[in-house]
Amino acid sequence: MDMKPTAHTHLKFKICISGAAETSHCSEKTLELTKELGKEVAEHKCVLVTGATTGAPYWAAIGAKEADGFVIGISPAATETEHVEKYDLPLDYHDLIIYTGFGYSGRNLLLTRSADAIILTCGRIGTLNEFTDAFEDNKPIGILEDTGGVADEIRGIVEVAHRGSGKIVYDSDPKALVEKVIALVRKEKVMEI
């Protein structure tokens, strides 16, 4: 059997949007910009992947669904009941939620490995964890600048970490950032689609 790569135009890129579940420290424009990110992911015919949580990822899911996109959530909970009752997380604006039972740190690794690329918006320690997971896996990463929190610290973190620049692109415009991230993802594919 010939196993040469063939064009796989049926496969959609999976873009994870990572950001703070609690957003009081984020800039005033963060949620609207993150909603725009979700919309851009959908309009570029990609699948949005989130941590199935509140805050910035939730707003990304709203934006994607308003643009008729497909949204997958990766939950830290083992069941839907635990997702809602123990973790107090939403069910709406997602087409599919995968219940991992791995808690937050395990979920974060599965979340980043399930996606072709990660985009960070205003975040906290969980967002930083998702960034370092993606960076260590040499994934394409986008940083939505001027949103506050961890996202605005990534340039400095990368500089002081002395591990190279990674595959990171930066922009304060959601559309431009999504396009830059998709360009990086295309370079990672077996066959150009």
Protein backbone atom coordinates (compact mmCIF):
# COMPACT_ATOMS: atom_id res chain seq x y z
CA MET A 1 0.00 0.00 0.00
CA ASP A 2 1.34 3.40 -1.03
CA MET A 3 1.48 5.71 2.01
CA LYS A 4 2.51 8.91 0.22
CA PRO A 5 0.94 12.04 1.68
CA THR A 6 -2.05 13.31 -0.22
CA ALA A 7 -3.89 16.57 -0.01
CA HIS A 8 -6.31 16.44 2.91
CA THR A 9 -8.55 19.39 2.21
CA HIS A 10 -11.29 17.88 4.34
CA LEU A 11 -9.29 18.45 7.53
CA LYS A 12 -9.82 21.77 9.27
CA PHE A 13 -7.18 23.56 11.28
CA LYS A 14 -7.82 23.51 15.03
CA ILE A 15 -7.00 26.80 16.73
CA CYS A 16 -7.01 27.00 20.54
CA ILE A 17 -7.78 30.33 22.18
CA SER A 18 -6.33 30.47 25.67
CA GLY A 19 -7.00 33.24 28.15
CA ALA A 20 -8.16 34.14 31.62
CA ALA A 21 -11.34 32.57 32.97
CA GLU A 22 -11.55 35.45 35.46
CA THR A 23 -10.94 38.70 33.60
CA SER A 24 -11.08 41.57 36.10
CA HIS A 25 -7.37 42.30 35.52
CA CYS A 26 -7.66 42.33 31.73
CA SER A 27 -7.88 45.47 29.64
CA GLU A 28 -11.35 46.90 29.01
CA LYS A 29 -11.25 45.81 25.38
CA THR A 30 -10.06 42.23 25.99
CA LEU A 31 -13.40 40.44 25.86
CA GLU A 32 -14.53 42.15 22.66
CA LEU A 33 -11.14 41.53 21.04
CA THR A 34 -11.26 37.88 22.12
CA LYS A 35 -14.78 37.54 20.74
CA GLU A 36 -13.40 38.92 17.48
CA LEU A 37 -10.62 36.31 17.60
CA GLY A 38 -13.23 33.55 17.82
CA LYS A 39 -15.14 35.06 14.92
CA GLU A 40 -11.98 35.23 12.80
CA VAL A 41 -11.14 31.60 13.55
CA ALA A 42 -14.61 30.59 12.33
CA GLU A 43 -14.53 32.87 9.29
CA HIS A 44 -11.22 31.29 8.26
CA LYS A 45 -12.99 27.88 8.34
CA CYS A 46 -10.99 26.64 11.32
CA VAL A 47 -12.32 24.83 14.38
CA LEU A 48 -12.06 26.73 17.66
CA VAL A 49 -10.80 24.74 20.65
CA THR A 50 -11.20 26.15 24.17
CA GLY A 51 -10.78 25.01 27.75
CA ALA A 52 -14.60 24.92 28.01
CA THR A 53 -14.43 27.66 30.60
CA THR A 54 -15.65 31.15 31.43
CA GLY A 55 -14.01 34.52 30.69
CA ALA A 56 -11.91 35.06 27.59
CA PRO A 57 -12.24 31.52 26.13
CA TYR A 58 -16.02 31.75 26.56
CA TRP A 59 -16.10 35.03 24.64
CA ALA A 60 -14.03 33.43 21.89
CA ALA A 61 -16.64 30.66 21.69
CA ILE A 62 -19.44 33.25 21.46
CA GLY A 63 -17.66 34.96 18.57
CA ALA A 64 -17.09 31.68 16.74
CA LYS A 65 -20.70 30.55 17.15
CA GLU A 66 -22.03 33.94 15.99
CA ALA A 67 -19.99 33.36 12.82
CA ASP A 68 -21.44 29.83 12.43
CA GLY A 69 -18.18 28.21 13.53
CA PHE A 70 -17.58 24.87 15.21
CA VAL A 71 -16.33 24.93 18.82
CA ILE A 72 -14.81 22.09 20.82
CA GLY A 73 -14.31 22.46 24.57
CA ILE A 74 -11.79 20.42 26.56
CA SER A 75 -13.02 20.24 30.16
CA PRO A 76 -11.04 19.54 33.31
CA ALA A 77 -14.06 17.61 34.62
CA ALA A 78 -14.78 13.89 34.19
CA THR A 79 -18.50 14.33 33.50
CA GLU A 80 -21.00 16.96 32.45
CA THR A 81 -22.38 17.06 35.99
CA GLU A 82 -18.91 17.65 37.46
CA HIS A 83 -18.23 20.26 34.75
CA VAL A 84 -21.26 22.27 35.86
CA GLU A 85 -21.49 21.53 39.59
CA LYS A 86 -17.86 21.17 40.75
CA TYR A 87 -16.07 23.45 38.28
CA ASP A 88 -18.99 25.83 37.67
CA LEU A 89 -18.29 25.91 33.92
CA PRO A 90 -20.68 26.68 31.04
CA LEU A 91 -22.09 24.28 28.45
CA ASP A 92 -23.35 26.77 25.89
CA TYR A 93 -21.55 28.08 22.78
CA HIS A 94 -19.79 24.73 22.27
CA ASP A 95 -20.70 22.02 19.78
CA LEU A 96 -18.79 19.34 21.63
CA ILE A 97 -17.25 19.15 25.09
CA ILE A 98 -14.71 16.45 25.90
CA TYR A 99 -14.66 15.56 29.61
CA THR A 100 -11.09 14.62 30.51
CA GLY A 101 -11.23 14.14 34.28
CA PHE A 102 -7.64 15.45 34.33
CA GLY A 103 -8.16 18.62 36.37
CA TYR A 104 -6.80 21.89 35.08
CA SER A 105 -3.15 21.00 34.55
CA GLY A 106 -3.92 17.75 32.72
CA ARG A 107 -6.63 19.45 30.69
CA ASN A 108 -4.19 22.19 29.69
CA LEU A 109 -1.76 19.71 28.15
CA LEU A 110 -4.51 17.86 26.27
CA LEU A 111 -5.95 21.20 25.14
CA THR A 112 -2.71 22.45 23.62
CA ARG A 113 -1.82 19.09 22.08
CA SER A 114 -5.30 18.82 20.51
CA ALA A 115 -4.83 22.05 18.59
CA ASP A 116 -2.68 22.92 15.60
CA ALA A 117 -1.89 26.32 17.13
CA ILE A 118 -2.55 28.34 20.27
CA ILE A 119 -3.58 31.99 20.51
CA LEU A 120 -3.18 33.74 23.87
CA THR A 121 -5.22 36.67 25.04
CA CYS A 122 -5.21 38.21 28.54
CA GLY A 123 -4.42 35.41 30.95
CA ARG A 124 -3.30 34.23 34.33
CA ILE A 125 -1.24 31.24 35.51
CA GLY A 126 -3.34 28.69 33.57
CA THR A 127 -2.75 30.62 30.36
CA LEU A 128 0.97 30.71 31.13
CA ASN A 129 0.86 26.93 31.66
CA GLU A 130 -0.84 26.46 28.29
CA PHE A 131 1.75 28.74 26.68
CA THR A 132 4.69 26.78 28.12
CA ASP A 133 3.09 23.45 27.09
CA ALA A 134 2.67 24.74 23.52
CA PHE A 135 6.15 26.32 23.48
CA GLU A 136 7.80 23.08 24.64
CA ASP A 137 5.89 21.19 21.91
CA ASN A 138 7.14 23.75 19.34
CA LYS A 139 3.58 24.66 18.34
CA PRO A 140 2.67 27.79 16.41
CA ILE A 141 1.60 30.43 18.94
CA GLY A 142 -0.14 33.77 18.49
CA ILE A 143 -0.18 36.51 21.11
CA LEU A 144 -3.00 39.07 21.10
CA GLU A 145 -1.17 42.10 22.41
CA ASP A 146 -2.52 44.91 24.57
CA THR A 147 -5.05 42.70 26.37
CA GLY A 148 -3.35 42.59 29.77
CA GLY A 149 -2.21 39.78 32.00
CA VAL A 150 0.14 37.03 30.86
CA ALA A 151 -0.31 37.73 27.14
CA ASP A 152 1.39 41.10 27.49
CA GLU A 153 4.32 39.53 29.35
CA ILE A 154 5.19 36.79 26.82
CA ARG A 155 7.85 38.77 24.92
CA GLY A 156 9.75 39.34 28.16
CA ILE A 157 9.28 35.76 29.36
CA VAL A 158 10.64 34.39 26.08
CA GLU A 159 13.61 36.75 26.26
CA VAL A 160 14.62 35.83 29.82
CA ALA A 161 13.96 32.10 29.30
CA HIS A 162 16.90 31.81 26.86
CA ARG A 163 15.24 29.01 24.86
CA GLY A 164 14.95 30.73 21.50
CA SER A 165 12.06 32.66 20.03
CA GLY A 166 9.84 29.68 19.21
CA LYS A 167 7.15 29.90 16.55
CA ILE A 168 5.45 32.97 17.98
CA VAL A 169 3.69 35.81 16.18
CA TYR A 170 2.34 38.95 17.81
CA ASP A 171 -0.39 41.40 16.83
CA SER A 172 -3.03 43.59 18.47
CA ASP A 173 -5.48 43.08 15.59
CA PRO A 174 -7.48 39.81 15.83
CA LYS A 175 -7.87 39.34 12.06
CA ALA A 176 -4.18 39.94 11.35
CA LEU A 177 -3.16 37.64 14.21
CA VAL A 178 -5.38 34.76 13.04
CA GLU A 179 -3.98 35.11 9.53
CA LYS A 180 -0.40 35.04 10.86
CA VAL A 181 -1.17 31.94 12.95
CA ILE A 182 -2.80 30.13 10.02
CA ALA A 183 0.30 30.86 7.91
CA LEU A 184 2.43 29.18 10.60
CA VAL A 185 0.07 26.18 10.76
CA ARG A 186 0.25 25.71 6.98
CA LYS A 187 4.02 25.27 7.30
CA GLU A 188 3.45 22.40 9.78
CA LYS A 189 1.13 20.33 7.58
CA VAL A 190 2.15 17.17 5.75
CA MET A 191 0.70 18.52 2.52
CA GLU A 192 -0.17 22.11 1.71
CA ILE A 193 -3.94 22.47 1.53
